[in-house]
Amino acid sequence: MKHQKRHLLIFCFFLLLVIILRFSSFLQPIISNDESLYLLMAKSLMEGNAPYTTIWDNKPIGIYVIYSLALLIFGNSVTSILIAAAIAISLTCGLLYLLGNEIEKNIGFLAGILYAIFTLGSGGIYANTEIFFAPFVVSSFYLLFSRIVNSNKQINKSNFLLFLIGLLMGIAFQIKQVILFEFICIVLIIGIDEYFQSIKTGIFSVKEIFKTSILLSCGFILPLGLVCLYFLSKGDFDSYLYANFYANITRIAGETFSLSNFATGFIIQLKSNLLLWVSLLLIPLYLSFSKQNTVAEKRNLTYLLIWLAMAFLGVCSPKSFYVHYFLQLFPPLCLLSSYLLTNITQVAENTNKTKKLIILVLIIAQPLFINVYPIFKVGIQTFYLQDIKKVANWGNNAAIVSDYLRKRVNKDDYIYVTDYETIVYFLVPAKIPTKYVFPDFLISPKLSNVAGVDSLRELDSIIKKQPVYIIRLKPQGILDQQFYIQLDKYLNSYFLEKQFDFHEEFPELKLQPNLPTSVQLYKLKK
């Protein structure tokens, strides 16, 4: 009971820490186009529509279910998604605390703090899929390490535990398919551990290994089976099959591995998360000089490195190397970094606890400056400009555009967001003229091929619905894409009613870099 109370307090600490670190995102609720798409899919799901039918995407159903739950629990707003992300990160921090203490005493708490800090960068400030599958993955590895560390206790070899590990990974797979690599990692680690156990006992049971594999696989497949049954009952199984499998196979086949893209993505990671990667490189050096490492410690570190390697394959599998993909590596990286930092400070036996704490703070000063400082700076600017200077929606351009549109459209009107922020569809109570709301599904030939849509024919269908407004970014040059050539022809039936030049109309926004130049609102001629 005492341990449970302590764990609860630590989970509460992580929740408070994450909310404090991410407070600026609640003051200024800006989300990416990916999140906007998940939000619209969740809204469609809540209206009784099967995923992929009225709004299209190529992600598994899990992320839309999570977004739907967030809207139901916290209210129909963008902030609800950010709250859900904060809770997911807090849970991951708490689970890293439990997992870290299974691996080696006292490394879990620091691992959780590192995760809370580093997920402010690398796209982690947004509510991406990597944020939401992390608690399921880390809880699976926690159960796995509990089983390995306490292998002498029969309860930790129970059939239910193996099934539960598989089930948690199966749920994570329904959020993003790259989790398959980490599930394979769990099977691999269990196989390696069983092999070494058999050497100790002299008993090698093929039947036991087969049973273990079946239990893990049954747990993993169960969520997939339930999702398939749902779509079969709805009569939309073909839509599900194409969006989840054929579309992703098409996308991966259409991508070529680019060493320059990988190098660029990895260099960004090194600069942003230097402590994590330097710690990883120093661990072999530490092990070679330290004489205090036990066999169990080396075993656990080896398993963590296998986890990191398999997660890295997951990051590389789409061959795109977007910055938020690397978030998948953070749980094992934070554990490895925490292990190194904790052990380095413990080497100095004559150093008191206060000095050890100071050393740790100095070590993590770089990630605090790189990740925490910019977030706090934006938060203070937002509070000052929104609450003191009364500049409504400062820094949130999409909200400014949406406020303008809300006063001029009704729920029966169509609006079409061509290449601007998808969140406008959520913020403006109007009808959506296409299920391909993510702009690149129509603008990018590569992604329109993934979506299996003829973009010019879809544009023709959109215009036939006579959207009252067409929203687009101001062209920065001559656009020779067929899509834009066709769009310009259709715009002859529209007139430019409003152009938002944010830097000119809102001088306070000069404090906020990297804003889009101009947004144009075309209105249908009567």
Protein backbone atom coordinates (compact mmCIF):
# COMPACT_ATOMS: atom_id res chain seq x y z
CA MET A 1 0.00 0.00 0.00
CA LYS A 2 2.90 2.34 0.85
CA HIS A 3 4.49 1.71 -2.57
CA GLN A 4 1.17 2.30 -4.35
CA LYS A 5 0.74 5.66 -2.58
CA ARG A 6 4.28 6.65 -3.56
CA HIS A 7 3.69 5.64 -7.18
CA LEU A 8 0.47 7.66 -7.27
CA LEU A 9 2.27 10.74 -5.92
CA ILE A 10 5.00 10.36 -8.53
CA PHE A 11 2.43 10.03 -11.32
CA CYS A 12 0.75 13.21 -10.02
CA PHE A 13 4.16 14.94 -9.96
CA PHE A 14 4.75 14.04 -13.60
CA LEU A 15 1.28 15.29 -14.58
CA LEU A 16 1.95 18.63 -12.86
CA LEU A 17 5.44 18.85 -14.41
CA VAL A 18 4.14 18.20 -17.94
CA ILE A 19 1.32 20.75 -17.57
CA ILE A 20 3.79 23.40 -16.35
CA LEU A 21 6.24 22.64 -19.17
CA ARG A 22 3.54 22.75 -21.83
CA PHE A 23 1.46 25.62 -20.45
CA SER A 24 2.09 27.85 -23.48
CA SER A 25 0.39 25.31 -25.75
CA PHE A 26 -2.82 25.73 -23.71
CA LEU A 27 -2.60 29.53 -23.93
CA GLN A 28 -2.01 29.37 -27.68
CA PRO A 29 -3.68 26.16 -28.96
CA ILE A 30 -2.02 25.71 -32.35
CA ILE A 31 -2.00 22.27 -33.95
CA SER A 32 -0.44 20.84 -37.10
CA ASN A 33 -2.24 19.66 -40.23
CA ASP A 34 -1.77 16.04 -39.11
CA GLU A 35 -3.55 16.73 -35.81
CA SER A 36 -6.25 18.71 -37.61
CA LEU A 37 -6.92 15.70 -39.81
CA TYR A 38 -7.19 13.38 -36.78
CA LEU A 39 -9.51 15.92 -35.14
CA LEU A 40 -11.81 16.03 -38.17
CA MET A 41 -11.80 12.24 -38.38
CA ALA A 42 -12.72 12.07 -34.67
CA LYS A 43 -15.55 14.55 -35.20
CA SER A 44 -16.83 12.47 -38.12
CA LEU A 45 -16.60 9.34 -35.97
CA MET A 46 -18.65 11.01 -33.23
CA GLU A 47 -21.29 11.88 -35.83
CA GLY A 48 -21.73 8.17 -36.55
CA ASN A 49 -19.61 7.85 -39.70
CA ALA A 50 -17.12 5.04 -40.15
CA PRO A 51 -13.50 6.22 -40.49
CA TYR A 52 -12.17 6.71 -44.04
CA THR A 53 -15.67 7.26 -45.50
CA THR A 54 -16.45 10.97 -44.98
CA ILE A 55 -12.88 11.99 -44.02
CA TRP A 56 -9.92 10.09 -45.46
CA ASP A 57 -6.52 9.29 -43.95
CA ASN A 58 -4.06 6.39 -44.01
CA LYS A 59 -3.56 5.91 -40.26
CA PRO A 60 -5.06 3.10 -38.13
CA ILE A 61 -8.27 3.74 -36.23
CA GLY A 62 -6.68 4.07 -32.76
CA ILE A 63 -5.60 7.72 -33.02
CA TYR A 64 -9.13 8.78 -34.05
CA VAL A 65 -10.66 6.89 -31.13
CA ILE A 66 -8.27 8.65 -28.72
CA TYR A 67 -9.14 12.05 -30.20
CA SER A 68 -12.87 11.21 -29.98
CA LEU A 69 -12.50 10.31 -26.29
CA ALA A 70 -10.64 13.57 -25.66
CA LEU A 71 -13.47 15.56 -27.27
CA LEU A 72 -16.10 13.65 -25.28
CA ILE A 73 -14.30 14.03 -21.94
CA PHE A 74 -12.77 17.51 -22.17
CA GLY A 75 -15.11 19.25 -24.60
CA ASN A 76 -15.32 20.02 -28.31
CA SER A 77 -12.19 22.17 -28.63
CA VAL A 78 -8.59 22.06 -29.79
CA THR A 79 -7.43 22.41 -26.17
CA SER A 80 -8.97 19.00 -25.40
CA ILE A 81 -6.44 17.33 -27.69
CA LEU A 82 -3.56 19.13 -26.00
CA ILE A 83 -4.84 18.02 -22.58
CA ALA A 84 -5.00 14.42 -23.83
CA ALA A 85 -1.41 14.71 -25.12
CA ALA A 86 -0.24 16.05 -21.74
CA ILE A 87 -1.92 13.12 -19.96
CA ALA A 88 -0.34 10.62 -22.38
CA ILE A 89 3.12 12.11 -21.80
CA SER A 90 2.57 12.09 -18.02
CA LEU A 91 1.60 8.41 -18.15
CA THR A 92 4.69 7.62 -20.20
CA CYS A 93 6.87 9.47 -17.68
CA GLY A 94 5.30 7.49 -14.82
CA LEU A 95 5.71 4.20 -16.67
CA LEU A 96 9.34 5.04 -17.45
CA TYR A 97 9.77 5.59 -13.70
CA LEU A 98 8.42 2.09 -13.00
CA LEU A 99 10.34 0.49 -15.86
CA GLY A 100 13.59 2.26 -14.97
CA ASN A 101 13.41 1.02 -11.39
CA GLU A 102 12.92 -2.56 -12.65
CA ILE A 103 16.09 -2.20 -14.73
CA GLU A 104 18.17 -0.58 -12.01
CA LYS A 105 17.16 1.19 -8.81
CA ASN A 106 16.92 5.01 -8.95
CA ILE A 107 17.12 5.53 -12.74
CA GLY A 108 13.36 5.66 -13.40
CA PHE A 109 12.59 9.08 -11.91
CA LEU A 110 15.25 10.86 -13.97
CA ALA A 111 14.15 8.97 -17.11
CA GLY A 112 10.62 10.33 -16.65
CA ILE A 113 11.88 13.89 -16.20
CA LEU A 114 14.07 13.60 -19.31
CA TYR A 115 11.10 12.36 -21.34
CA ALA A 116 8.95 15.30 -20.16
CA ILE A 117 11.69 17.74 -21.22
CA PHE A 118 12.73 16.22 -24.53
CA THR A 119 9.17 15.75 -25.83
CA LEU A 120 8.86 19.54 -25.90
CA GLY A 121 11.04 19.35 -29.03
CA SER A 122 11.15 17.10 -32.11
CA GLY A 123 7.49 17.86 -32.83
CA GLY A 124 6.47 16.52 -29.42
CA ILE A 125 4.70 19.76 -28.52
CA TYR A 126 2.00 18.59 -30.94
CA ALA A 127 -0.40 15.71 -30.24
CA ASN A 128 1.19 13.31 -32.72
CA THR A 129 0.65 9.55 -32.86
CA GLU A 130 4.08 8.94 -31.29
CA ILE A 131 2.89 10.68 -28.10
CA PHE A 132 -0.15 8.41 -27.79
CA PHE A 133 1.32 5.00 -28.57
CA ALA A 134 4.23 5.55 -26.14
CA PRO A 135 2.27 4.66 -22.93
CA PHE A 136 1.19 1.32 -24.42
CA VAL A 137 4.71 0.49 -25.63
CA VAL A 138 6.41 1.48 -22.37
CA SER A 139 3.85 -0.44 -20.28
CA SER A 140 4.54 -3.52 -22.44
CA PHE A 141 8.27 -3.22 -21.82
CA TYR A 142 7.63 -2.63 -18.12
CA LEU A 143 5.73 -5.93 -17.93
CA LEU A 144 8.44 -7.59 -20.01
CA PHE A 145 11.28 -6.45 -17.73
CA SER A 146 9.21 -7.33 -14.64
CA ARG A 147 8.93 -10.85 -16.02
CA ILE A 148 12.66 -11.05 -16.78
CA VAL A 149 13.89 -9.51 -13.53
CA ASN A 150 11.55 -11.67 -11.42
CA SER A 151 11.88 -14.80 -13.56
CA ASN A 152 12.21 -16.96 -10.44
CA LYS A 153 8.64 -16.05 -9.45
CA GLN A 154 6.10 -18.18 -11.26
CA ILE A 155 3.50 -15.39 -11.24
CA ASN A 156 5.66 -13.37 -13.63
CA LYS A 157 5.65 -16.23 -16.11
CA SER A 158 1.88 -16.44 -16.17
CA ASN A 159 0.00 -16.87 -19.44
CA PHE A 160 -2.07 -13.77 -18.76
CA LEU A 161 1.04 -11.57 -18.49
CA LEU A 162 2.27 -12.68 -21.91
CA PHE A 163 -1.19 -12.13 -23.41
CA LEU A 164 -1.35 -8.66 -21.80
CA ILE A 165 2.03 -7.66 -23.23
CA GLY A 166 0.83 -8.67 -26.69
CA LEU A 167 -2.51 -6.90 -26.18
CA LEU A 168 -0.88 -3.59 -25.20
CA MET A 169 1.37 -3.75 -28.26
CA GLY A 170 -1.65 -4.64 -30.39
CA ILE A 171 -3.43 -1.49 -29.19
CA ALA A 172 -0.30 0.56 -29.98
CA PHE A 173 -0.27 -1.01 -33.47
CA GLN A 174 -3.79 0.38 -33.97
CA ILE A 175 -2.34 3.86 -33.41
CA LYS A 176 0.60 3.49 -35.82
CA GLN A 177 1.86 0.41 -37.65
CA VAL A 178 5.57 1.09 -37.10
CA ILE A 179 5.05 -0.46 -33.65
CA LEU A 180 5.40 -3.84 -35.38
CA PHE A 181 9.19 -3.52 -35.06
CA GLU A 182 8.98 -3.08 -31.28
CA PHE A 183 6.62 -6.04 -30.99
CA ILE A 184 9.18 -8.13 -32.87
CA CYS A 185 11.74 -6.76 -30.39
CA ILE A 186 9.70 -8.08 -27.44
CA VAL A 187 9.43 -11.52 -29.05
CA LEU A 188 13.19 -11.45 -29.71
CA ILE A 189 14.08 -10.43 -26.13
CA ILE A 190 11.81 -13.11 -24.65
CA GLY A 191 13.42 -15.68 -26.97
CA ILE A 192 16.94 -14.62 -25.94
CA ASP A 193 16.01 -14.65 -22.26
CA GLU A 194 14.40 -18.11 -22.55
CA TYR A 195 17.55 -19.40 -24.24
CA PHE A 196 19.83 -18.21 -21.44
CA GLN A 197 17.41 -19.52 -18.82
CA SER A 198 17.54 -22.92 -20.51
CA ILE A 199 21.36 -22.89 -20.31
CA LYS A 200 21.10 -22.28 -16.55
CA THR A 201 18.51 -24.97 -15.91
CA GLY A 202 19.59 -27.39 -18.62
CA ILE A 203 15.96 -27.58 -19.83
CA PHE A 204 15.10 -26.33 -23.33
CA SER A 205 11.37 -26.56 -24.03
CA VAL A 206 10.21 -26.01 -27.62
CA LYS A 207 6.65 -26.36 -26.35
CA GLU A 208 7.16 -23.48 -23.88
CA ILE A 209 8.60 -21.20 -26.58
CA PHE A 210 5.72 -22.07 -28.92
CA LYS A 211 3.16 -21.33 -26.19
CA THR A 212 4.84 -18.00 -25.40
CA SER A 213 4.75 -16.98 -29.08
CA ILE A 214 1.08 -17.96 -29.41
CA LEU A 215 0.04 -16.00 -26.31
CA LEU A 216 1.91 -12.87 -27.41
CA SER A 217 0.53 -13.14 -30.94
CA CYS A 218 -3.06 -13.68 -29.76
CA GLY A 219 -2.89 -10.55 -27.63
CA PHE A 220 -1.34 -8.58 -30.48
CA ILE A 221 -3.88 -9.72 -33.09
CA LEU A 222 -6.99 -9.28 -30.91
CA PRO A 223 -7.38 -5.47 -31.42
CA LEU A 224 -6.82 -5.91 -35.16
CA GLY A 225 -9.49 -8.63 -35.28
CA LEU A 226 -12.01 -6.46 -33.41
CA VAL A 227 -11.37 -3.53 -35.76
CA CYS A 228 -11.86 -5.79 -38.80
CA LEU A 229 -15.16 -7.06 -37.35
CA TYR A 230 -16.30 -3.46 -36.79
CA PHE A 231 -15.68 -2.50 -40.43
CA LEU A 232 -17.24 -5.72 -41.70
CA SER A 233 -20.38 -4.97 -39.66
CA LYS A 234 -20.47 -1.45 -41.14
CA GLY A 235 -19.97 -2.75 -44.67
CA ASP A 236 -16.85 -0.58 -45.07
CA PHE A 237 -14.14 -3.22 -44.88
CA ASP A 238 -12.77 -2.36 -48.35
CA SER A 239 -12.29 1.29 -47.32
CA TYR A 240 -10.50 0.17 -44.15
CA LEU A 241 -8.30 -2.31 -46.01
CA TYR A 242 -7.23 0.26 -48.60
CA ALA A 243 -6.54 3.09 -46.13
CA ASN A 244 -4.61 0.95 -43.63
CA PHE A 245 -2.66 -1.37 -45.88
CA TYR A 246 -2.74 -0.73 -49.64
CA ALA A 247 -2.29 3.04 -49.28
CA ASN A 248 0.68 2.62 -46.93
CA ILE A 249 2.27 -0.02 -49.13
CA THR A 250 1.89 2.40 -52.06
CA ARG A 251 3.46 5.21 -50.04
CA ILE A 252 6.45 3.15 -48.86
CA ALA A 253 6.98 1.74 -52.37
CA GLY A 254 6.91 5.28 -53.77
CA GLU A 255 9.57 6.49 -51.33
CA THR A 256 13.27 5.93 -51.93
CA PHE A 257 15.77 5.89 -49.10
CA SER A 258 17.71 9.14 -49.24
CA LEU A 259 20.98 9.25 -47.34
CA SER A 260 20.91 13.06 -47.40
CA ASN A 261 17.38 13.17 -45.92
CA PHE A 262 18.41 10.70 -43.24
CA ALA A 263 21.59 12.66 -42.47
CA THR A 264 19.63 15.92 -42.27
CA GLY A 265 17.04 14.39 -39.92
CA PHE A 266 19.69 12.78 -37.75
CA ILE A 267 21.81 15.92 -37.49
CA ILE A 268 18.73 17.84 -36.32
CA GLN A 269 18.23 15.15 -33.68
CA LEU A 270 21.84 15.39 -32.52
CA LYS A 271 21.62 19.17 -32.13
CA SER A 272 18.21 19.15 -30.43
CA ASN A 273 18.75 16.11 -28.20
CA LEU A 274 22.50 16.14 -27.65
CA LEU A 275 22.38 14.72 -24.13
CA LEU A 276 20.46 11.61 -25.22
CA TRP A 277 22.80 10.75 -28.08
CA VAL A 278 26.04 11.58 -26.26
CA SER A 279 24.89 9.39 -23.35
CA LEU A 280 24.25 6.55 -25.79
CA LEU A 281 27.77 6.87 -27.20
CA LEU A 282 29.36 7.03 -23.72
CA ILE A 283 27.66 3.93 -22.28
CA PRO A 284 30.14 1.42 -23.84
CA LEU A 285 32.99 3.58 -22.57
CA TYR A 286 31.49 3.66 -19.07
CA LEU A 287 30.98 -0.13 -19.05
CA SER A 288 34.58 -0.75 -20.12
CA PHE A 289 35.96 1.36 -17.24
CA SER A 290 33.46 0.53 -14.52
CA LYS A 291 34.09 -2.60 -12.48
CA GLN A 292 30.79 -2.57 -10.64
CA ASN A 293 28.54 -3.87 -13.41
CA THR A 294 26.65 -7.07 -12.65
CA VAL A 295 25.56 -9.69 -15.17
CA ALA A 296 21.92 -8.63 -14.69
CA GLU A 297 22.82 -4.99 -15.31
CA LYS A 298 24.63 -5.81 -18.56
CA ARG A 299 21.70 -8.01 -19.62
CA ASN A 300 19.20 -5.21 -19.03
CA LEU A 301 21.34 -2.69 -20.91
CA THR A 302 21.66 -5.11 -23.83
CA TYR A 303 17.87 -5.48 -23.97
CA LEU A 304 17.44 -1.69 -23.90
CA LEU A 305 19.88 -1.36 -26.80
CA ILE A 306 17.96 -4.03 -28.75
CA TRP A 307 14.75 -2.05 -28.07
CA LEU A 308 16.39 1.14 -29.33
CA ALA A 309 17.71 -0.60 -32.46
CA MET A 310 14.30 -2.05 -33.36
CA ALA A 311 12.55 1.28 -32.66
CA PHE A 312 15.11 2.88 -34.98
CA LEU A 313 14.04 0.47 -37.74
CA GLY A 314 10.49 1.67 -37.12
CA VAL A 315 11.59 5.28 -37.56
CA CYS A 316 13.40 4.42 -40.81
CA SER A 317 10.64 2.23 -42.29
CA PRO A 318 8.56 5.07 -43.85
CA LYS A 319 11.82 6.47 -45.36
CA SER A 320 10.56 10.03 -44.76
CA PHE A 321 12.40 11.05 -41.56
CA TYR A 322 9.97 13.71 -40.38
CA VAL A 323 11.19 15.20 -37.11
CA HIS A 324 8.35 13.77 -34.97
CA TYR A 325 9.11 10.20 -36.13
CA PHE A 326 12.18 10.26 -33.85
CA LEU A 327 9.94 10.59 -30.78
CA GLN A 328 9.58 6.81 -30.98
CA LEU A 329 13.22 6.50 -29.84
CA PHE A 330 12.86 8.69 -26.76
CA PRO A 331 11.69 6.09 -24.17
CA PRO A 332 14.74 3.78 -24.55
CA LEU A 333 17.05 6.78 -25.06
CA CYS A 334 15.81 8.44 -21.85
CA LEU A 335 16.31 5.20 -19.90
CA LEU A 336 19.85 4.74 -21.24
CA SER A 337 20.73 8.39 -20.54
CA SER A 338 19.28 8.17 -17.04
CA TYR A 339 21.30 4.99 -16.40
CA LEU A 340 24.55 6.70 -17.42
CA LEU A 341 23.90 9.98 -15.57
CA THR A 342 22.81 8.26 -12.38
CA ASN A 343 25.80 5.93 -12.33
CA ILE A 344 28.29 8.70 -13.12
CA THR A 345 27.07 10.76 -10.15
CA GLN A 346 27.18 7.68 -7.90
CA VAL A 347 30.82 6.98 -8.80
CA ALA A 348 31.86 10.01 -6.74
CA GLU A 349 31.28 8.30 -3.40
CA ASN A 350 32.60 11.22 -1.37
CA THR A 351 30.18 13.66 -2.96
CA ASN A 352 27.07 14.43 -0.90
CA LYS A 353 23.55 14.29 -2.31
CA THR A 354 23.28 18.06 -2.77
CA LYS A 355 26.41 18.18 -4.91
CA LYS A 356 25.23 15.18 -6.92
CA LEU A 357 21.96 16.98 -7.60
CA ILE A 358 23.85 20.10 -8.72
CA ILE A 359 25.95 17.96 -11.09
CA LEU A 360 22.79 16.46 -12.60
CA VAL A 361 21.19 19.91 -13.05
CA LEU A 362 24.33 21.19 -14.78
CA ILE A 363 24.35 18.16 -17.08
CA ILE A 364 20.74 18.67 -18.14
CA ALA A 365 21.17 22.47 -18.49
CA GLN A 366 21.58 22.14 -22.27
CA PRO A 367 18.26 20.32 -22.89
CA LEU A 368 16.55 22.71 -20.47
CA PHE A 369 17.80 25.68 -22.50
CA ILE A 370 17.13 24.11 -25.91
CA ASN A 371 13.69 22.63 -25.16
CA VAL A 372 12.18 24.46 -22.17
CA TYR A 373 13.32 28.05 -22.64
CA PRO A 374 11.68 28.63 -26.08
CA ILE A 375 8.37 27.21 -24.82
CA PHE A 376 8.39 29.45 -21.75
CA LYS A 377 9.34 32.47 -23.88
CA VAL A 378 6.35 31.91 -26.18
CA GLY A 379 4.11 31.35 -23.15
CA ILE A 380 5.11 34.66 -21.55
CA GLN A 381 4.71 36.53 -24.87
CA THR A 382 1.30 34.93 -25.39
CA PHE A 383 0.09 35.85 -21.90
CA TYR A 384 1.35 39.42 -22.27
CA LEU A 385 -0.14 40.03 -25.73
CA GLN A 386 -3.43 38.15 -25.28
CA ASP A 387 -4.28 38.96 -21.66
CA ILE A 388 -2.59 42.32 -21.09
CA LYS A 389 -2.45 43.90 -24.58
CA LYS A 390 -5.76 42.18 -25.52
CA VAL A 391 -4.56 40.99 -28.96
CA ALA A 392 -7.07 38.22 -29.68
CA ASN A 393 -5.61 34.93 -30.99
CA TRP A 394 -2.07 36.28 -31.03
CA GLY A 395 0.17 33.97 -33.03
CA ASN A 396 -2.72 31.69 -33.99
CA ASN A 397 -3.30 32.75 -37.59
CA ALA A 398 -5.77 29.96 -38.35
CA ALA A 399 -7.98 31.16 -35.48
CA ILE A 400 -7.90 34.73 -36.86
CA VAL A 401 -8.95 33.53 -40.32
CA SER A 402 -11.62 31.28 -38.81
CA ASP A 403 -13.07 34.14 -36.71
CA TYR A 404 -13.49 36.15 -39.90
CA LEU A 405 -15.23 33.29 -41.71
CA ARG A 406 -17.52 32.34 -38.82
CA LYS A 407 -19.29 35.70 -39.11
CA ARG A 408 -19.92 35.22 -42.84
CA VAL A 409 -20.98 31.59 -43.33
CA ASN A 410 -23.68 29.34 -41.93
CA LYS A 411 -23.81 25.61 -41.29
CA ASP A 412 -25.27 24.83 -44.72
CA ASP A 413 -22.50 26.63 -46.64
CA TYR A 414 -19.46 24.89 -48.05
CA ILE A 415 -15.95 26.27 -47.61
CA TYR A 416 -12.84 24.85 -49.27
CA VAL A 417 -9.37 25.08 -47.70
CA THR A 418 -7.00 24.59 -50.62
CA ASP A 419 -3.49 24.67 -49.18
CA TYR A 420 -3.89 26.46 -45.84
CA GLU A 421 -4.32 25.03 -42.34
CA THR A 422 -6.82 22.16 -42.15
CA ILE A 423 -7.96 23.20 -38.67
CA VAL A 424 -10.12 25.92 -40.31
CA TYR A 425 -12.62 23.16 -41.16
CA PHE A 426 -12.93 22.36 -37.45
CA LEU A 427 -13.12 25.96 -36.25
CA VAL A 428 -15.70 27.15 -38.80
CA PRO A 429 -19.24 25.67 -38.61
CA ALA A 430 -19.65 24.96 -42.33
CA LYS A 431 -19.79 21.92 -44.62
CA ILE A 432 -16.67 20.24 -46.01
CA PRO A 433 -16.79 19.64 -49.80
CA THR A 434 -14.31 16.72 -49.92
CA LYS A 435 -13.19 13.85 -47.76
CA TYR A 436 -9.58 14.60 -48.73
CA VAL A 437 -9.23 17.49 -46.27
CA PHE A 438 -5.46 17.13 -45.89
CA PRO A 439 -4.29 19.53 -48.64
CA ASP A 440 -1.41 17.38 -49.91
CA PHE A 441 -3.75 14.51 -50.78
CA LEU A 442 -4.92 16.67 -53.70
CA ILE A 443 -1.98 19.02 -54.31
CA SER A 444 0.89 16.52 -54.16
CA PRO A 445 0.86 13.99 -57.06
CA LYS A 446 2.73 11.51 -54.85
CA LEU A 447 0.17 11.66 -52.03
CA SER A 448 -2.84 11.77 -54.36
CA ASN A 449 -1.51 8.47 -55.71
CA VAL A 450 -1.37 7.15 -52.13
CA ALA A 451 -4.95 8.30 -51.51
CA GLY A 452 -6.04 6.76 -54.82
CA VAL A 453 -7.76 9.96 -55.95
CA ASP A 454 -7.77 11.87 -59.23
CA SER A 455 -7.08 15.35 -57.84
CA LEU A 456 -8.41 17.26 -60.87
CA ARG A 457 -11.65 15.29 -60.88
CA GLU A 458 -11.99 15.79 -57.13
CA LEU A 459 -11.39 19.54 -57.55
CA ASP A 460 -14.15 19.60 -60.16
CA SER A 461 -16.48 17.84 -57.70
CA ILE A 462 -15.58 20.38 -54.98
CA ILE A 463 -16.32 23.39 -57.19
CA LYS A 464 -19.67 21.91 -58.29
CA LYS A 465 -20.76 22.20 -54.65
CA GLN A 466 -20.18 25.95 -54.95
CA PRO A 467 -18.19 26.62 -51.77
CA VAL A 468 -18.95 30.14 -50.53
CA TYR A 469 -15.27 30.69 -49.70
CA ILE A 470 -12.05 29.24 -51.08
CA ILE A 471 -9.11 29.73 -48.73
CA ARG A 472 -5.57 29.54 -50.05
CA LEU A 473 -2.07 30.83 -49.41
CA LYS A 474 -1.01 33.73 -51.60
CA PRO A 475 1.07 32.27 -54.47
CA GLN A 476 4.76 33.13 -54.15
CA GLY A 477 5.47 32.58 -57.83
CA ILE A 478 4.16 30.94 -60.99
CA LEU A 479 2.54 27.61 -60.12
CA ASP A 480 2.71 25.28 -63.11
CA GLN A 481 1.03 22.33 -61.39
CA GLN A 482 -2.09 21.21 -63.21
CA PHE A 483 -4.02 21.43 -59.95
CA TYR A 484 -3.29 25.14 -59.51
CA ILE A 485 -3.84 25.90 -63.19
CA GLN A 486 -7.29 24.33 -62.91
CA LEU A 487 -7.98 26.12 -59.61
CA ASP A 488 -7.12 29.51 -61.14
CA LYS A 489 -9.71 28.87 -63.86
CA TYR A 490 -12.38 28.16 -61.26
CA LEU A 491 -11.43 31.30 -59.34
CA ASN A 492 -12.83 33.37 -62.22
CA SER A 493 -16.21 32.75 -60.55
CA TYR A 494 -14.84 34.20 -57.29
CA PHE A 495 -13.47 37.53 -56.15
CA LEU A 496 -10.71 38.23 -53.62
CA GLU A 497 -12.64 39.49 -50.60
CA LYS A 498 -9.89 39.48 -47.99
CA GLN A 499 -6.14 38.99 -47.79
CA PHE A 500 -4.50 38.50 -44.41
CA ASP A 501 -0.96 39.92 -44.32
CA PHE A 502 -0.31 39.07 -40.71
CA HIS A 503 2.97 40.94 -40.30
CA GLU A 504 1.42 44.14 -41.63
CA GLU A 505 -2.01 44.03 -40.01
CA PHE A 506 -0.80 42.64 -36.68
CA PRO A 507 2.63 44.14 -35.89
CA GLU A 508 2.75 42.26 -32.58
CA LEU A 509 3.07 39.04 -34.59
CA LYS A 510 6.57 40.04 -35.64
CA LEU A 511 7.61 38.46 -32.35
CA GLN A 512 6.46 35.12 -33.72
CA PRO A 513 8.79 33.82 -36.50
CA ASN A 514 8.05 31.45 -39.39
CA LEU A 515 4.47 32.59 -40.03
CA PRO A 516 2.97 32.01 -43.49
CA THR A 517 3.17 35.15 -45.61
CA SER A 518 -0.40 35.85 -46.73
CA VAL A 519 -3.72 34.04 -46.73
CA GLN A 520 -6.33 34.83 -49.38
CA LEU A 521 -10.09 34.42 -49.02
CA TYR A 522 -12.01 34.19 -52.28
CA LYS A 523 -15.78 34.58 -52.15
CA LEU A 524 -18.24 33.18 -54.67
CA LYS A 525 -19.72 35.85 -56.96
CA LYS A 526 -23.48 36.14 -56.71
